[in-house]
Amino acid sequence: MEFQISTDYAHLFADAVAAFCRGRADTVWLAERRDAFNELWLTFRDADASTVAVSREAGVLMYHIWGSPWAWRDEATQQQVRAEIRPQWHRQMVSHPASSR
């Protein structure tokens, strides 16, 4: 799946992925999805273009990060990113539900 994102937001999302994983590090649920979370973190951390590509599984995990209290520096940052980026990503996922990396 490909997503459009600014590099600033990509790096912010990479930080959110890392924080989310730290907050749930001791859970079986995270351990079972570690590869997909690593893919998300590396993809967004290393983003240097406006388009990033992730697997369908990693794309679905983005929704867990958006709503997580562990993922964001503060409530204002979470609300800003959710308002500006999440709707766009949601439209992209719905318009390409069977696509993969």
N, C-alpha and C. Protein backbone atom coordinates (compact mmCIF):
# COMPACT_ATOMS: atom_id res chain seq x y z
N MET A 1 0.84 -1.16 0.00
CA MET A 1 0.00 0.00 0.00
C MET A 1 0.89 1.23 0.00
N GLU A 2 0.49 2.22 -0.77
CA GLU A 2 1.24 3.46 -0.81
C GLU A 2 0.43 4.58 -0.17
N PHE A 3 1.14 5.42 0.56
CA PHE A 3 0.51 6.55 1.23
C PHE A 3 1.28 7.81 0.92
N GLN A 4 0.55 8.89 0.75
CA GLN A 4 1.16 10.21 0.57
C GLN A 4 1.35 10.82 1.96
N ILE A 5 2.53 11.38 2.20
CA ILE A 5 2.80 12.00 3.51
C ILE A 5 4.01 12.90 3.39
N SER A 6 4.01 13.98 4.13
CA SER A 6 5.20 14.84 4.17
C SER A 6 6.26 14.14 5.01
N THR A 7 7.52 14.46 4.76
CA THR A 7 8.58 13.82 5.53
C THR A 7 8.49 14.20 7.01
N ASP A 8 8.04 15.41 7.31
CA ASP A 8 7.87 15.80 8.71
C ASP A 8 6.87 14.89 9.42
N TYR A 9 5.73 14.65 8.77
CA TYR A 9 4.74 13.76 9.36
C TYR A 9 5.22 12.32 9.37
N ALA A 10 5.97 11.93 8.38
CA ALA A 10 6.50 10.56 8.34
C ALA A 10 7.40 10.32 9.55
N HIS A 11 8.27 11.26 9.83
CA HIS A 11 9.18 11.10 10.97
C HIS A 11 8.42 11.17 12.29
N LEU A 12 7.41 12.01 12.37
CA LEU A 12 6.58 12.07 13.56
C LEU A 12 5.86 10.73 13.76
N PHE A 13 5.38 10.13 12.66
CA PHE A 13 4.70 8.85 12.76
C PHE A 13 5.69 7.75 13.17
N ALA A 14 6.92 7.81 12.68
CA ALA A 14 7.93 6.83 13.10
C ALA A 14 8.15 6.91 14.61
N ASP A 15 8.21 8.12 15.15
CA ASP A 15 8.33 8.30 16.60
C ASP A 15 7.12 7.70 17.32
N ALA A 16 5.93 7.88 16.74
CA ALA A 16 4.70 7.33 17.34
C ALA A 16 4.73 5.80 17.33
N VAL A 17 5.23 5.21 16.24
CA VAL A 17 5.32 3.75 16.18
C VAL A 17 6.25 3.24 17.28
N ALA A 18 7.40 3.88 17.44
CA ALA A 18 8.35 3.46 18.48
C ALA A 18 7.74 3.60 19.87
N ALA A 19 7.06 4.71 20.12
CA ALA A 19 6.43 4.91 21.43
C ALA A 19 5.33 3.89 21.67
N PHE A 20 4.54 3.60 20.65
CA PHE A 20 3.48 2.60 20.78
C PHE A 20 4.08 1.25 21.15
N CYS A 21 5.14 0.86 20.47
CA CYS A 21 5.77 -0.43 20.74
C CYS A 21 6.38 -0.48 22.14
N ARG A 22 6.96 0.62 22.59
CA ARG A 22 7.49 0.65 23.96
C ARG A 22 6.36 0.50 24.97
N GLY A 23 5.23 1.11 24.70
CA GLY A 23 4.10 1.05 25.61
C GLY A 23 3.44 -0.31 25.70
N ARG A 24 3.63 -1.13 24.68
CA ARG A 24 3.02 -2.46 24.66
C ARG A 24 4.06 -3.57 24.52
N ALA A 25 5.29 -3.28 24.87
CA ALA A 25 6.42 -4.18 24.63
C ALA A 25 6.24 -5.57 25.23
N ASP A 26 5.54 -5.66 26.33
CA ASP A 26 5.43 -6.94 27.02
C ASP A 26 4.18 -7.73 26.62
N THR A 27 3.53 -7.38 25.53
CA THR A 27 2.31 -8.07 25.15
C THR A 27 2.56 -9.09 24.05
N VAL A 28 1.82 -10.16 24.09
CA VAL A 28 1.88 -11.18 23.05
C VAL A 28 1.40 -10.60 21.73
N TRP A 29 0.36 -9.76 21.81
CA TRP A 29 -0.21 -9.15 20.61
C TRP A 29 0.87 -8.42 19.81
N LEU A 30 1.71 -7.63 20.48
CA LEU A 30 2.78 -6.92 19.79
C LEU A 30 3.82 -7.88 19.26
N ALA A 31 4.19 -8.85 20.05
CA ALA A 31 5.20 -9.81 19.62
C ALA A 31 4.79 -10.53 18.34
N GLU A 32 3.52 -10.85 18.22
CA GLU A 32 3.03 -11.53 17.03
C GLU A 32 3.06 -10.64 15.79
N ARG A 33 3.13 -9.35 15.98
CA ARG A 33 3.10 -8.39 14.87
C ARG A 33 4.40 -7.58 14.77
N ARG A 34 5.42 -8.03 15.43
CA ARG A 34 6.67 -7.27 15.50
C ARG A 34 7.24 -6.93 14.11
N ASP A 35 7.21 -7.88 13.19
CA ASP A 35 7.77 -7.61 11.86
C ASP A 35 7.03 -6.48 11.16
N ALA A 36 5.72 -6.47 11.27
CA ALA A 36 4.94 -5.40 10.64
C ALA A 36 5.22 -4.06 11.30
N PHE A 37 5.35 -4.04 12.63
CA PHE A 37 5.68 -2.79 13.32
C PHE A 37 7.09 -2.31 12.95
N ASN A 38 8.03 -3.24 12.84
CA ASN A 38 9.38 -2.85 12.42
C ASN A 38 9.35 -2.27 11.01
N GLU A 39 8.56 -2.88 10.13
CA GLU A 39 8.41 -2.36 8.77
C GLU A 39 7.88 -0.93 8.80
N LEU A 40 6.84 -0.69 9.61
CA LEU A 40 6.29 0.66 9.71
C LEU A 40 7.34 1.65 10.20
N TRP A 41 8.02 1.28 11.27
CA TRP A 41 8.99 2.20 11.86
C TRP A 41 10.11 2.53 10.86
N LEU A 42 10.69 1.51 10.23
CA LEU A 42 11.78 1.75 9.29
C LEU A 42 11.32 2.55 8.08
N THR A 43 10.15 2.23 7.56
CA THR A 43 9.63 2.92 6.38
C THR A 43 9.44 4.40 6.65
N PHE A 44 8.81 4.73 7.77
CA PHE A 44 8.53 6.13 8.07
C PHE A 44 9.77 6.86 8.59
N ARG A 45 10.62 6.18 9.32
CA ARG A 45 11.85 6.81 9.80
C ARG A 45 12.74 7.22 8.65
N ASP A 46 12.81 6.37 7.62
CA ASP A 46 13.70 6.61 6.49
C ASP A 46 13.03 7.32 5.32
N ALA A 47 11.81 7.78 5.51
CA ALA A 47 11.07 8.43 4.41
C ALA A 47 11.82 9.68 3.94
N ASP A 48 12.05 9.72 2.64
CA ASP A 48 12.69 10.90 2.06
C ASP A 48 11.93 11.38 0.83
N ALA A 49 10.73 10.87 0.65
CA ALA A 49 9.88 11.26 -0.47
C ALA A 49 8.45 11.42 0.04
N SER A 50 7.58 11.90 -0.82
CA SER A 50 6.21 12.15 -0.38
C SER A 50 5.34 10.89 -0.37
N THR A 51 5.85 9.80 -0.95
CA THR A 51 5.09 8.55 -0.99
C THR A 51 5.87 7.46 -0.25
N VAL A 52 5.18 6.77 0.64
CA VAL A 52 5.78 5.61 1.32
C VAL A 52 4.92 4.40 1.02
N ALA A 53 5.56 3.23 0.99
CA ALA A 53 4.84 1.99 0.71
C ALA A 53 5.03 1.02 1.87
N VAL A 54 3.92 0.42 2.31
CA VAL A 54 3.96 -0.58 3.38
C VAL A 54 3.06 -1.75 2.99
N SER A 55 3.27 -2.87 3.64
CA SER A 55 2.42 -4.03 3.40
C SER A 55 1.01 -3.76 3.92
N ARG A 56 0.07 -4.55 3.48
CA ARG A 56 -1.32 -4.40 3.94
C ARG A 56 -1.39 -4.57 5.46
N GLU A 57 -0.68 -5.58 5.99
CA GLU A 57 -0.70 -5.81 7.45
C GLU A 57 -0.19 -4.59 8.21
N ALA A 58 0.90 -4.02 7.73
CA ALA A 58 1.44 -2.83 8.39
C ALA A 58 0.48 -1.65 8.26
N GLY A 59 -0.16 -1.53 7.11
CA GLY A 59 -1.14 -0.47 6.92
C GLY A 59 -2.29 -0.56 7.90
N VAL A 60 -2.75 -1.77 8.15
CA VAL A 60 -3.85 -1.96 9.10
C VAL A 60 -3.40 -1.62 10.52
N LEU A 61 -2.17 -1.92 10.86
CA LEU A 61 -1.67 -1.61 12.20
C LEU A 61 -1.58 -0.12 12.47
N MET A 62 -1.55 0.69 11.42
CA MET A 62 -1.52 2.14 11.61
C MET A 62 -2.70 2.61 12.44
N TYR A 63 -3.84 1.94 12.28
CA TYR A 63 -5.03 2.36 13.02
C TYR A 63 -4.88 2.16 14.52
N HIS A 64 -4.11 1.17 14.92
CA HIS A 64 -3.87 0.98 16.35
C HIS A 64 -3.02 2.14 16.89
N ILE A 65 -2.11 2.60 16.09
CA ILE A 65 -1.23 3.69 16.52
C ILE A 65 -1.99 5.00 16.63
N TRP A 66 -2.87 5.28 15.65
CA TRP A 66 -3.62 6.54 15.69
C TRP A 66 -4.36 6.74 17.01
N GLY A 67 -4.97 5.69 17.52
CA GLY A 67 -5.78 5.84 18.72
C GLY A 67 -5.07 5.57 20.03
N SER A 68 -3.81 5.26 19.97
CA SER A 68 -3.08 4.87 21.16
C SER A 68 -2.65 6.04 22.03
N PRO A 69 -2.91 5.96 23.33
CA PRO A 69 -2.42 7.00 24.23
C PRO A 69 -0.90 6.94 24.43
N TRP A 70 -0.26 5.82 24.08
CA TRP A 70 1.19 5.68 24.26
C TRP A 70 1.99 6.23 23.09
N ALA A 71 1.34 6.46 21.95
CA ALA A 71 2.07 6.74 20.72
C ALA A 71 2.47 8.19 20.51
N TRP A 72 1.78 9.12 21.13
CA TRP A 72 1.97 10.52 20.78
C TRP A 72 2.58 11.32 21.91
N ARG A 73 3.35 12.33 21.57
CA ARG A 73 4.00 13.20 22.56
C ARG A 73 2.98 13.83 23.48
N ASP A 74 1.88 14.28 22.88
CA ASP A 74 0.84 14.93 23.66
C ASP A 74 -0.47 14.86 22.88
N GLU A 75 -1.54 15.20 23.54
CA GLU A 75 -2.88 15.13 22.94
C GLU A 75 -3.02 16.05 21.73
N ALA A 76 -2.43 17.23 21.79
CA ALA A 76 -2.54 18.18 20.68
C ALA A 76 -1.89 17.62 19.41
N THR A 77 -0.73 16.99 19.56
CA THR A 77 -0.06 16.39 18.40
C THR A 77 -0.90 15.27 17.82
N GLN A 78 -1.43 14.42 18.70
CA GLN A 78 -2.26 13.32 18.23
C GLN A 78 -3.47 13.84 17.47
N GLN A 79 -4.14 14.83 18.00
CA GLN A 79 -5.34 15.37 17.35
C GLN A 79 -4.99 16.02 16.00
N GLN A 80 -3.89 16.73 15.94
CA GLN A 80 -3.49 17.38 14.70
C GLN A 80 -3.22 16.34 13.61
N VAL A 81 -2.43 15.32 13.93
CA VAL A 81 -2.08 14.31 12.94
C VAL A 81 -3.32 13.51 12.53
N ARG A 82 -4.14 13.17 13.51
CA ARG A 82 -5.36 12.42 13.19
C ARG A 82 -6.28 13.23 12.28
N ALA A 83 -6.36 14.52 12.50
CA ALA A 83 -7.25 15.36 11.70
C ALA A 83 -6.70 15.58 10.29
N GLU A 84 -5.40 15.70 10.16
CA GLU A 84 -4.81 16.06 8.87
C GLU A 84 -4.42 14.86 8.01
N ILE A 85 -3.95 13.79 8.61
CA ILE A 85 -3.39 12.67 7.84
C ILE A 85 -4.29 11.44 7.82
N ARG A 86 -4.86 11.08 8.96
CA ARG A 86 -5.64 9.84 9.02
C ARG A 86 -6.77 9.77 7.99
N PRO A 87 -7.56 10.82 7.78
CA PRO A 87 -8.63 10.72 6.77
C PRO A 87 -8.10 10.41 5.37
N GLN A 88 -6.98 11.01 5.02
CA GLN A 88 -6.37 10.76 3.72
C GLN A 88 -5.94 9.29 3.61
N TRP A 89 -5.29 8.77 4.65
CA TRP A 89 -4.85 7.39 4.62
C TRP A 89 -6.04 6.44 4.58
N HIS A 90 -7.08 6.78 5.31
CA HIS A 90 -8.28 5.94 5.31
C HIS A 90 -8.86 5.85 3.89
N ARG A 91 -8.95 6.97 3.21
CA ARG A 91 -9.46 6.96 1.83
C ARG A 91 -8.59 6.09 0.94
N GLN A 92 -7.30 6.17 1.11
CA GLN A 92 -6.39 5.37 0.29
C GLN A 92 -6.56 3.88 0.58
N MET A 93 -6.74 3.51 1.86
CA MET A 93 -6.93 2.10 2.20
C MET A 93 -8.25 1.57 1.65
N VAL A 94 -9.30 2.36 1.75
CA VAL A 94 -10.62 1.93 1.27
C VAL A 94 -10.62 1.81 -0.25
N SER A 95 -9.92 2.70 -0.93
CA SER A 95 -9.93 2.66 -2.39
C SER A 95 -9.05 1.55 -2.95
N HIS A 96 -8.16 1.00 -2.14
CA HIS A 96 -7.28 -0.11 -2.58
C HIS A 96 -7.27 -1.22 -1.53
N PRO A 97 -8.41 -1.80 -1.21
CA PRO A 97 -8.46 -2.75 -0.09
C PRO A 97 -7.67 -4.03 -0.29
N ALA A 98 -7.44 -4.45 -1.51
CA ALA A 98 -6.74 -5.71 -1.71
C ALA A 98 -5.29 -5.50 -2.12
N SER A 99 -4.85 -4.27 -2.23
CA SER A 99 -3.48 -4.03 -2.68
C SER A 99 -2.48 -4.36 -1.58
N SER A 100 -1.28 -4.64 -1.99
CA SER A 100 -0.22 -4.90 -1.03
C SER A 100 1.07 -4.32 -1.58
N ARG A 101 2.07 -4.35 -0.78
CA ARG A 101 3.36 -3.76 -1.14
C ARG A 101 3.94 -4.46 -2.34
